[in-house]
All heavy atoms as atom14 arrays in JSON, in Angstrom:
{
  "sequence": "FGKFNAFLASIPLPVMGGVMILLFGTIASLGLKTLIDAQVDLMR",
  "atom14_mask": [
    [1, 1, 1, 1, 1, 1, 1, 1, 1, 1, 1, 0, 0, 0],
    [1, 1, 1, 1, 0, 0, 0, 0, 0, 0, 0, 0, 0, 0],
    [1, 1, 1, 1, 1, 1, 1, 1, 1, 0, 0, 0, 0, 0],
    [1, 1, 1, 1, 1, 1, 1, 1, 1, 1, 1, 0, 0, 0],
    [1, 1, 1, 1, 1, 1, 1, 1, 0, 0, 0, 0, 0, 0],
    [1, 1, 1, 1, 1, 0, 0, 0, 0, 0, 0, 0, 0, 0],
    [1, 1, 1, 1, 1, 1, 1, 1, 1, 1, 1, 0, 0, 0],
    [1, 1, 1, 1, 1, 1, 1, 1, 0, 0, 0, 0, 0, 0],
    [1, 1, 1, 1, 1, 0, 0, 0, 0, 0, 0, 0, 0, 0],
    [1, 1, 1, 1, 1, 1, 0, 0, 0, 0, 0, 0, 0, 0],
    [1, 1, 1, 1, 1, 1, 1, 1, 0, 0, 0, 0, 0, 0],
    [1, 1, 1, 1, 1, 1, 1, 0, 0, 0, 0, 0, 0, 0],
    [1, 1, 1, 1, 1, 1, 1, 1, 0, 0, 0, 0, 0, 0],
    [1, 1, 1, 1, 1, 1, 1, 0, 0, 0, 0, 0, 0, 0],
    [1, 1, 1, 1, 1, 1, 1, 0, 0, 0, 0, 0, 0, 0],
    [1, 1, 1, 1, 1, 1, 1, 1, 0, 0, 0, 0, 0, 0],
    [1, 1, 1, 1, 0, 0, 0, 0, 0, 0, 0, 0, 0, 0],
    [1, 1, 1, 1, 0, 0, 0, 0, 0, 0, 0, 0, 0, 0],
    [1, 1, 1, 1, 1, 1, 1, 0, 0, 0, 0, 0, 0, 0],
    [1, 1, 1, 1, 1, 1, 1, 1, 0, 0, 0, 0, 0, 0],
    [1, 1, 1, 1, 1, 1, 1, 1, 0, 0, 0, 0, 0, 0],
    [1, 1, 1, 1, 1, 1, 1, 1, 0, 0, 0, 0, 0, 0],
    [1, 1, 1, 1, 1, 1, 1, 1, 0, 0, 0, 0, 0, 0],
    [1, 1, 1, 1, 1, 1, 1, 1, 1, 1, 1, 0, 0, 0],
    [1, 1, 1, 1, 0, 0, 0, 0, 0, 0, 0, 0, 0, 0],
    [1, 1, 1, 1, 1, 1, 1, 0, 0, 0, 0, 0, 0, 0],
    [1, 1, 1, 1, 1, 1, 1, 1, 0, 0, 0, 0, 0, 0],
    [1, 1, 1, 1, 1, 0, 0, 0, 0, 0, 0, 0, 0, 0],
    [1, 1, 1, 1, 1, 1, 0, 0, 0, 0, 0, 0, 0, 0],
    [1, 1, 1, 1, 1, 1, 1, 1, 0, 0, 0, 0, 0, 0],
    [1, 1, 1, 1, 0, 0, 0, 0, 0, 0, 0, 0, 0, 0],
    [1, 1, 1, 1, 1, 1, 1, 1, 0, 0, 0, 0, 0, 0],
    [1, 1, 1, 1, 1, 1, 1, 1, 1, 0, 0, 0, 0, 0],
    [1, 1, 1, 1, 1, 1, 1, 0, 0, 0, 0, 0, 0, 0],
    [1, 1, 1, 1, 1, 1, 1, 1, 0, 0, 0, 0, 0, 0],
    [1, 1, 1, 1, 1, 1, 1, 1, 0, 0, 0, 0, 0, 0],
    [1, 1, 1, 1, 1, 1, 1, 1, 0, 0, 0, 0, 0, 0],
    [1, 1, 1, 1, 1, 0, 0, 0, 0, 0, 0, 0, 0, 0],
    [1, 1, 1, 1, 1, 1, 1, 1, 1, 0, 0, 0, 0, 0],
    [1, 1, 1, 1, 1, 1, 1, 0, 0, 0, 0, 0, 0, 0],
    [1, 1, 1, 1, 1, 1, 1, 1, 0, 0, 0, 0, 0, 0],
    [1, 1, 1, 1, 1, 1, 1, 1, 0, 0, 0, 0, 0, 0],
    [1, 1, 1, 1, 1, 1, 1, 1, 0, 0, 0, 0, 0, 0],
    [1, 1, 1, 1, 1, 1, 1, 1, 1, 1, 1, 0, 0, 0]
  ],
  "atom14_positions": [
    [[12.17, 15.25, -3.67], [12.55, 14.87, -2.31], [12.53, 16.11, -1.43], [13.47, 16.88, -1.39], [13.93, 14.22, -2.34], [14.37, 13.61, -1.06], [13.48, 13.22, -0.08], [15.73, 13.4, -0.81], [13.89, 12.65, 1.1], [16.16, 12.83, 0.37], [15.23, 12.46, 1.33], [0.0, 0.0, 0.0], [0.0, 0.0, 0.0], [0.0, 0.0, 0.0]],
    [[11.43, 16.34, -0.69], [11.22, 17.55, 0.08], [12.25, 17.79, 1.16], [12.72, 18.92, 1.36], [0.0, 0.0, 0.0], [0.0, 0.0, 0.0], [0.0, 0.0, 0.0], [0.0, 0.0, 0.0], [0.0, 0.0, 0.0], [0.0, 0.0, 0.0], [0.0, 0.0, 0.0], [0.0, 0.0, 0.0], [0.0, 0.0, 0.0], [0.0, 0.0, 0.0]],
    [[12.62, 16.74, 1.9], [13.6, 16.87, 2.98], [14.94, 17.37, 2.45], [15.62, 18.19, 3.08], [13.82, 15.51, 3.65], [12.69, 15.04, 4.55], [12.69, 15.75, 5.89], [11.66, 15.12, 6.83], [11.53, 15.89, 8.08], [0.0, 0.0, 0.0], [0.0, 0.0, 0.0], [0.0, 0.0, 0.0], [0.0, 0.0, 0.0], [0.0, 0.0, 0.0]],
    [[15.28, 16.89, 1.27], [16.56, 17.26, 0.68], [16.61, 18.76, 0.36], [17.59, 19.44, 0.65], [16.79, 16.44, -0.59], [17.95, 16.89, -1.41], [19.24, 16.7, -0.97], [17.75, 17.55, -2.61], [20.32, 17.14, -1.71], [18.82, 18.0, -3.35], [20.1, 17.79, -2.9], [0.0, 0.0, 0.0], [0.0, 0.0, 0.0], [0.0, 0.0, 0.0]],
    [[15.52, 19.27, -0.2], [15.48, 20.7, -0.54], [15.47, 21.56, 0.71], [16.05, 22.66, 0.73], [14.24, 20.98, -1.39], [14.37, 20.39, -2.78], [15.26, 20.73, -3.53], [13.47, 19.48, -3.14], [0.0, 0.0, 0.0], [0.0, 0.0, 0.0], [0.0, 0.0, 0.0], [0.0, 0.0, 0.0], [0.0, 0.0, 0.0], [0.0, 0.0, 0.0]],
    [[14.82, 21.08, 1.77], [14.83, 21.8, 3.04], [16.25, 21.83, 3.63], [16.67, 22.83, 4.22], [13.87, 21.15, 4.02], [0.0, 0.0, 0.0], [0.0, 0.0, 0.0], [0.0, 0.0, 0.0], [0.0, 0.0, 0.0], [0.0, 0.0, 0.0], [0.0, 0.0, 0.0], [0.0, 0.0, 0.0], [0.0, 0.0, 0.0], [0.0, 0.0, 0.0]],
    [[16.96, 20.73, 3.44], [18.35, 20.66, 3.91], [19.21, 21.7, 3.19], [20.01, 22.41, 3.82], [18.9, 19.26, 3.68], [20.41, 19.17, 3.72], [21.08, 19.29, 4.93], [21.14, 19.0, 2.56], [22.47, 19.23, 4.97], [22.52, 18.93, 2.59], [23.2, 19.05, 3.8], [0.0, 0.0, 0.0], [0.0, 0.0, 0.0], [0.0, 0.0, 0.0]],
    [[19.06, 21.8, 1.87], [19.83, 22.78, 1.1], [19.52, 24.2, 1.55], [20.4, 25.05, 1.65], [19.54, 22.63, -0.39], [20.05, 21.36, -1.08], [19.62, 21.33, -2.53], [21.57, 21.27, -0.98], [0.0, 0.0, 0.0], [0.0, 0.0, 0.0], [0.0, 0.0, 0.0], [0.0, 0.0, 0.0], [0.0, 0.0, 0.0], [0.0, 0.0, 0.0]],
    [[18.24, 24.46, 1.83], [17.82, 25.8, 2.25], [18.38, 26.15, 3.63], [18.46, 27.34, 3.98], [16.3, 25.89, 2.26], [0.0, 0.0, 0.0], [0.0, 0.0, 0.0], [0.0, 0.0, 0.0], [0.0, 0.0, 0.0], [0.0, 0.0, 0.0], [0.0, 0.0, 0.0], [0.0, 0.0, 0.0], [0.0, 0.0, 0.0], [0.0, 0.0, 0.0]],
    [[18.76, 25.13, 4.42], [19.25, 25.38, 5.78], [20.74, 25.68, 5.84], [21.27, 25.98, 6.9], [18.94, 24.17, 6.68], [19.74, 23.05, 6.32], [0.0, 0.0, 0.0], [0.0, 0.0, 0.0], [0.0, 0.0, 0.0], [0.0, 0.0, 0.0], [0.0, 0.0, 0.0], [0.0, 0.0, 0.0], [0.0, 0.0, 0.0], [0.0, 0.0, 0.0]],
    [[21.44, 25.59, 4.7], [22.88, 25.87, 4.68], [23.11, 27.36, 4.95], [22.62, 28.21, 4.21], [23.51, 25.48, 3.33], [23.32, 23.99, 3.06], [25.0, 25.83, 3.3], [23.8, 23.54, 1.68], [0.0, 0.0, 0.0], [0.0, 0.0, 0.0], [0.0, 0.0, 0.0], [0.0, 0.0, 0.0], [0.0, 0.0, 0.0], [0.0, 0.0, 0.0]],
    [[23.86, 27.72, 5.99], [24.08, 29.13, 6.33], [24.84, 29.9, 5.24], [25.66, 29.32, 4.52], [24.91, 29.06, 7.62], [24.66, 27.7, 8.18], [24.48, 26.81, 6.97], [0.0, 0.0, 0.0], [0.0, 0.0, 0.0], [0.0, 0.0, 0.0], [0.0, 0.0, 0.0], [0.0, 0.0, 0.0], [0.0, 0.0, 0.0], [0.0, 0.0, 0.0]],
    [[24.59, 31.18, 5.15], [25.24, 32.05, 4.16], [26.77, 31.98, 4.19], [27.4, 31.89, 3.13], [24.81, 33.51, 4.38], [23.46, 33.97, 3.82], [23.21, 35.42, 4.22], [23.44, 33.84, 2.31], [0.0, 0.0, 0.0], [0.0, 0.0, 0.0], [0.0, 0.0, 0.0], [0.0, 0.0, 0.0], [0.0, 0.0, 0.0], [0.0, 0.0, 0.0]],
    [[27.41, 32.04, 5.37], [28.88, 32.04, 5.39], [29.5, 30.77, 4.76], [30.59, 30.84, 4.21], [29.22, 32.12, 6.88], [28.02, 32.76, 7.5], [26.86, 32.25, 6.72], [0.0, 0.0, 0.0], [0.0, 0.0, 0.0], [0.0, 0.0, 0.0], [0.0, 0.0, 0.0], [0.0, 0.0, 0.0], [0.0, 0.0, 0.0], [0.0, 0.0, 0.0]],
    [[28.8, 29.64, 4.86], [29.3, 28.41, 4.24], [29.37, 28.6, 2.73], [30.38, 28.29, 2.08], [28.4, 27.2, 4.58], [28.84, 25.97, 3.79], [28.44, 26.91, 6.07], [0.0, 0.0, 0.0], [0.0, 0.0, 0.0], [0.0, 0.0, 0.0], [0.0, 0.0, 0.0], [0.0, 0.0, 0.0], [0.0, 0.0, 0.0], [0.0, 0.0, 0.0]],
    [[28.3, 29.14, 2.16], [28.27, 29.38, 0.72], [29.28, 30.47, 0.34], [29.91, 30.41, -0.72], [26.86, 29.8, 0.28], [25.75, 28.82, 0.66], [26.1, 27.12, 0.21], [26.23, 27.27, -1.56], [0.0, 0.0, 0.0], [0.0, 0.0, 0.0], [0.0, 0.0, 0.0], [0.0, 0.0, 0.0], [0.0, 0.0, 0.0], [0.0, 0.0, 0.0]],
    [[29.43, 31.46, 1.2], [30.38, 32.54, 0.93], [31.81, 32.04, 0.85], [32.59, 32.47, -0.01], [0.0, 0.0, 0.0], [0.0, 0.0, 0.0], [0.0, 0.0, 0.0], [0.0, 0.0, 0.0], [0.0, 0.0, 0.0], [0.0, 0.0, 0.0], [0.0, 0.0, 0.0], [0.0, 0.0, 0.0], [0.0, 0.0, 0.0], [0.0, 0.0, 0.0]],
    [[32.17, 31.1, 1.74], [33.52, 30.54, 1.72], [33.83, 29.84, 0.42], [34.95, 29.92, -0.1], [0.0, 0.0, 0.0], [0.0, 0.0, 0.0], [0.0, 0.0, 0.0], [0.0, 0.0, 0.0], [0.0, 0.0, 0.0], [0.0, 0.0, 0.0], [0.0, 0.0, 0.0], [0.0, 0.0, 0.0], [0.0, 0.0, 0.0], [0.0, 0.0, 0.0]],
    [[32.84, 29.14, -0.13], [33.01, 28.45, -1.41], [33.03, 29.44, -2.57], [33.82, 29.31, -3.51], [31.89, 27.41, -1.61], [31.94, 26.84, -3.02], [32.01, 26.3, -0.59], [0.0, 0.0, 0.0], [0.0, 0.0, 0.0], [0.0, 0.0, 0.0], [0.0, 0.0, 0.0], [0.0, 0.0, 0.0], [0.0, 0.0, 0.0], [0.0, 0.0, 0.0]],
    [[32.17, 30.46, -2.49], [32.04, 31.43, -3.58], [33.32, 32.22, -3.8], [33.66, 32.57, -4.94], [30.89, 32.38, -3.29], [29.51, 31.78, -3.5], [28.21, 32.84, -2.82], [28.37, 34.29, -3.83], [0.0, 0.0, 0.0], [0.0, 0.0, 0.0], [0.0, 0.0, 0.0], [0.0, 0.0, 0.0], [0.0, 0.0, 0.0], [0.0, 0.0, 0.0]],
    [[34.03, 32.54, -2.72], [35.29, 33.29, -2.85], [36.24, 32.56, -3.79], [36.87, 33.16, -4.66], [35.94, 33.5, -1.46], [35.14, 34.52, -0.65], [37.39, 33.98, -1.61], [35.62, 34.69, 0.77], [0.0, 0.0, 0.0], [0.0, 0.0, 0.0], [0.0, 0.0, 0.0], [0.0, 0.0, 0.0], [0.0, 0.0, 0.0], [0.0, 0.0, 0.0]],
    [[36.32, 31.26, -3.61], [37.19, 30.44, -4.47], [36.58, 30.25, -5.85], [37.26, 30.37, -6.87], [37.43, 29.08, -3.81], [38.32, 28.1, -4.56], [39.73, 28.67, -4.71], [38.36, 26.76, -3.85], [0.0, 0.0, 0.0], [0.0, 0.0, 0.0], [0.0, 0.0, 0.0], [0.0, 0.0, 0.0], [0.0, 0.0, 0.0], [0.0, 0.0, 0.0]],
    [[35.28, 29.99, -5.88], [34.61, 29.67, -7.13], [34.63, 30.83, -8.12], [35.0, 30.67, -9.28], [33.16, 29.26, -6.84], [32.29, 28.93, -8.06], [32.8, 27.69, -8.76], [30.84, 28.74, -7.63], [0.0, 0.0, 0.0], [0.0, 0.0, 0.0], [0.0, 0.0, 0.0], [0.0, 0.0, 0.0], [0.0, 0.0, 0.0], [0.0, 0.0, 0.0]],
    [[34.24, 32.02, -7.66], [34.19, 33.16, -8.57], [35.58, 33.58, -9.02], [35.77, 34.02, -10.15], [33.46, 34.34, -7.91], [32.0, 34.08, -7.68], [31.28, 34.83, -6.76], [31.34, 33.09, -8.38], [29.93, 34.6, -6.56], [29.99, 32.85, -8.18], [29.28, 33.61, -7.27], [0.0, 0.0, 0.0], [0.0, 0.0, 0.0], [0.0, 0.0, 0.0]],
    [[36.56, 33.43, -8.13], [37.94, 33.71, -8.52], [38.42, 32.71, -9.56], [39.17, 33.06, -10.48], [0.0, 0.0, 0.0], [0.0, 0.0, 0.0], [0.0, 0.0, 0.0], [0.0, 0.0, 0.0], [0.0, 0.0, 0.0], [0.0, 0.0, 0.0], [0.0, 0.0, 0.0], [0.0, 0.0, 0.0], [0.0, 0.0, 0.0], [0.0, 0.0, 0.0]],
    [[37.98, 31.46, -9.42], [38.35, 30.42, -10.38], [37.79, 30.73, -11.76], [38.47, 30.54, -12.78], [37.83, 29.04, -9.91], [38.39, 28.76, -8.62], [38.23, 27.95, -10.89], [0.0, 0.0, 0.0], [0.0, 0.0, 0.0], [0.0, 0.0, 0.0], [0.0, 0.0, 0.0], [0.0, 0.0, 0.0], [0.0, 0.0, 0.0], [0.0, 0.0, 0.0]],
    [[36.54, 31.2, -11.81], [35.93, 31.56, -13.09], [36.73, 32.67, -13.76], [37.02, 32.61, -14.96], [34.46, 32.0, -12.88], [33.62, 30.82, -12.37], [33.87, 32.53, -14.2], [32.22, 31.2, -11.98], [0.0, 0.0, 0.0], [0.0, 0.0, 0.0], [0.0, 0.0, 0.0], [0.0, 0.0, 0.0], [0.0, 0.0, 0.0], [0.0, 0.0, 0.0]],
    [[37.1, 33.69, -12.98], [37.9, 34.79, -13.52], [39.25, 34.27, -14.02], [39.75, 34.7, -15.07], [38.1, 35.86, -12.45], [0.0, 0.0, 0.0], [0.0, 0.0, 0.0], [0.0, 0.0, 0.0], [0.0, 0.0, 0.0], [0.0, 0.0, 0.0], [0.0, 0.0, 0.0], [0.0, 0.0, 0.0], [0.0, 0.0, 0.0], [0.0, 0.0, 0.0]],
    [[39.84, 33.34, -13.28], [41.13, 32.76, -13.68], [41.02, 31.97, -14.98], [41.96, 31.95, -15.79], [41.66, 31.85, -12.57], [41.88, 32.59, -11.38], [0.0, 0.0, 0.0], [0.0, 0.0, 0.0], [0.0, 0.0, 0.0], [0.0, 0.0, 0.0], [0.0, 0.0, 0.0], [0.0, 0.0, 0.0], [0.0, 0.0, 0.0], [0.0, 0.0, 0.0]],
    [[39.88, 31.33, -15.2], [39.66, 30.61, -16.45], [39.66, 31.56, -17.64], [40.12, 31.22, -18.73], [38.34, 29.84, -16.39], [38.33, 28.58, -15.52], [36.92, 28.0, -15.43], [39.29, 27.53, -16.05], [0.0, 0.0, 0.0], [0.0, 0.0, 0.0], [0.0, 0.0, 0.0], [0.0, 0.0, 0.0], [0.0, 0.0, 0.0], [0.0, 0.0, 0.0]],
    [[39.11, 32.76, -17.43], [39.14, 33.77, -18.48], [40.57, 34.19, -18.79], [40.95, 34.34, -19.96], [0.0, 0.0, 0.0], [0.0, 0.0, 0.0], [0.0, 0.0, 0.0], [0.0, 0.0, 0.0], [0.0, 0.0, 0.0], [0.0, 0.0, 0.0], [0.0, 0.0, 0.0], [0.0, 0.0, 0.0], [0.0, 0.0, 0.0], [0.0, 0.0, 0.0]],
    [[41.36, 34.34, -17.73], [42.78, 34.69, -17.91], [43.52, 33.56, -18.63], [44.36, 33.8, -19.5], [43.4, 34.94, -16.54], [44.84, 35.47, -16.51], [44.94, 36.81, -17.24], [45.31, 35.61, -15.07], [0.0, 0.0, 0.0], [0.0, 0.0, 0.0], [0.0, 0.0, 0.0], [0.0, 0.0, 0.0], [0.0, 0.0, 0.0], [0.0, 0.0, 0.0]],
    [[43.18, 32.32, -18.27], [43.8, 31.15, -18.91], [43.47, 31.11, -20.4], [44.31, 30.71, -21.22], [43.31, 29.87, -18.24], [43.92, 28.58, -18.78], [43.42, 27.38, -18.01], [44.06, 26.09, -18.53], [43.68, 25.77, -19.91], [0.0, 0.0, 0.0], [0.0, 0.0, 0.0], [0.0, 0.0, 0.0], [0.0, 0.0, 0.0], [0.0, 0.0, 0.0]],
    [[42.26, 31.54, -20.76], [41.87, 31.59, -22.18], [42.8, 32.5, -22.96], [43.22, 32.17, -24.08], [40.41, 32.09, -22.31], [39.54, 31.21, -21.59], [39.98, 32.14, -23.77], [0.0, 0.0, 0.0], [0.0, 0.0, 0.0], [0.0, 0.0, 0.0], [0.0, 0.0, 0.0], [0.0, 0.0, 0.0], [0.0, 0.0, 0.0], [0.0, 0.0, 0.0]],
    [[43.15, 33.64, -22.38], [44.06, 34.6, -23.04], [45.48, 34.03, -23.13], [46.15, 34.16, -24.15], [44.08, 35.91, -22.26], [42.78, 36.72, -22.23], [42.93, 37.93, -21.31], [42.39, 37.18, -23.63], [0.0, 0.0, 0.0], [0.0, 0.0, 0.0], [0.0, 0.0, 0.0], [0.0, 0.0, 0.0], [0.0, 0.0, 0.0], [0.0, 0.0, 0.0]],
    [[45.91, 33.38, -22.04], [47.27, 32.84, -22.0], [47.44, 31.67, -22.98], [48.41, 31.61, -23.73], [47.63, 32.39, -20.56], [47.69, 33.6, -19.63], [48.96, 31.64, -20.54], [47.82, 33.25, -18.17], [0.0, 0.0, 0.0], [0.0, 0.0, 0.0], [0.0, 0.0, 0.0], [0.0, 0.0, 0.0], [0.0, 0.0, 0.0], [0.0, 0.0, 0.0]],
    [[46.48, 30.76, -22.97], [46.55, 29.58, -23.85], [46.59, 29.98, -25.33], [47.26, 29.32, -26.14], [45.36, 28.65, -23.61], [45.47, 27.91, -22.28], [46.55, 27.96, -21.67], [44.46, 27.29, -21.86], [0.0, 0.0, 0.0], [0.0, 0.0, 0.0], [0.0, 0.0, 0.0], [0.0, 0.0, 0.0], [0.0, 0.0, 0.0], [0.0, 0.0, 0.0]],
    [[45.85, 31.04, -25.67], [45.81, 31.5, -27.06], [46.96, 32.45, -27.38], [47.06, 32.93, -28.51], [44.48, 32.19, -27.34], [0.0, 0.0, 0.0], [0.0, 0.0, 0.0], [0.0, 0.0, 0.0], [0.0, 0.0, 0.0], [0.0, 0.0, 0.0], [0.0, 0.0, 0.0], [0.0, 0.0, 0.0], [0.0, 0.0, 0.0], [0.0, 0.0, 0.0]],
    [[47.8, 32.73, -26.36], [48.95, 33.64, -26.51], [48.5, 34.99, -27.09], [49.11, 35.52, -28.03], [50.02, 33.0, -27.39], [50.62, 31.73, -26.79], [51.73, 31.14, -27.64], [51.73, 31.26, -28.86], [52.69, 30.49, -27.01], [0.0, 0.0, 0.0], [0.0, 0.0, 0.0], [0.0, 0.0, 0.0], [0.0, 0.0, 0.0], [0.0, 0.0, 0.0]],
    [[47.44, 35.54, -26.5], [46.94, 36.85, -26.93], [47.95, 37.93, -26.55], [48.34, 38.04, -25.39], [45.57, 37.15, -26.28], [45.11, 38.58, -26.61], [44.53, 36.14, -26.75], [0.0, 0.0, 0.0], [0.0, 0.0, 0.0], [0.0, 0.0, 0.0], [0.0, 0.0, 0.0], [0.0, 0.0, 0.0], [0.0, 0.0, 0.0], [0.0, 0.0, 0.0]],
    [[48.36, 38.7, -27.52], [49.35, 39.76, -27.31], [48.63, 41.05, -26.9], [48.03, 41.73, -27.74], [50.15, 39.98, -28.59], [51.26, 41.01, -28.42], [51.47, 41.47, -27.27], [51.91, 41.37, -29.42], [0.0, 0.0, 0.0], [0.0, 0.0, 0.0], [0.0, 0.0, 0.0], [0.0, 0.0, 0.0], [0.0, 0.0, 0.0], [0.0, 0.0, 0.0]],
    [[48.72, 41.39, -25.61], [48.04, 42.59, -25.12], [48.82, 43.87, -25.44], [48.37, 44.97, -25.11], [47.8, 42.49, -23.62], [46.74, 41.47, -23.18], [46.62, 41.43, -21.66], [45.38, 41.81, -23.8], [0.0, 0.0, 0.0], [0.0, 0.0, 0.0], [0.0, 0.0, 0.0], [0.0, 0.0, 0.0], [0.0, 0.0, 0.0], [0.0, 0.0, 0.0]],
    [[49.98, 43.74, -26.08], [50.7, 44.93, -26.56], [50.11, 45.43, -27.88], [50.4, 46.54, -28.3], [52.19, 44.61, -26.74], [52.92, 44.34, -25.42], [52.7, 45.66, -24.2], [53.56, 47.0, -25.02], [0.0, 0.0, 0.0], [0.0, 0.0, 0.0], [0.0, 0.0, 0.0], [0.0, 0.0, 0.0], [0.0, 0.0, 0.0], [0.0, 0.0, 0.0]],
    [[49.31, 44.59, -28.52], [48.6, 45.05, -29.72], [47.45, 45.97, -29.28], [46.64, 45.57, -28.43], [48.06, 43.87, -30.51], [49.13, 43.09, -31.27], [48.54, 41.95, -32.06], [49.54, 41.28, -32.89], [49.86, 41.63, -34.12], [49.24, 42.65, -34.7], [50.79, 40.98, -34.8], [0.0, 0.0, 0.0], [0.0, 0.0, 0.0], [0.0, 0.0, 0.0]]
  ]
}
């Protein structure tokens, strides 16, 4: 669907940036959650 791909390409950078700030932080938080859920002792 050509029109659809052109629509995606027209999304301005700041729109994607606003989502990315949350998204990339969420990914990092999931890594932290992995340590917490497994009760990893960082004093070791």
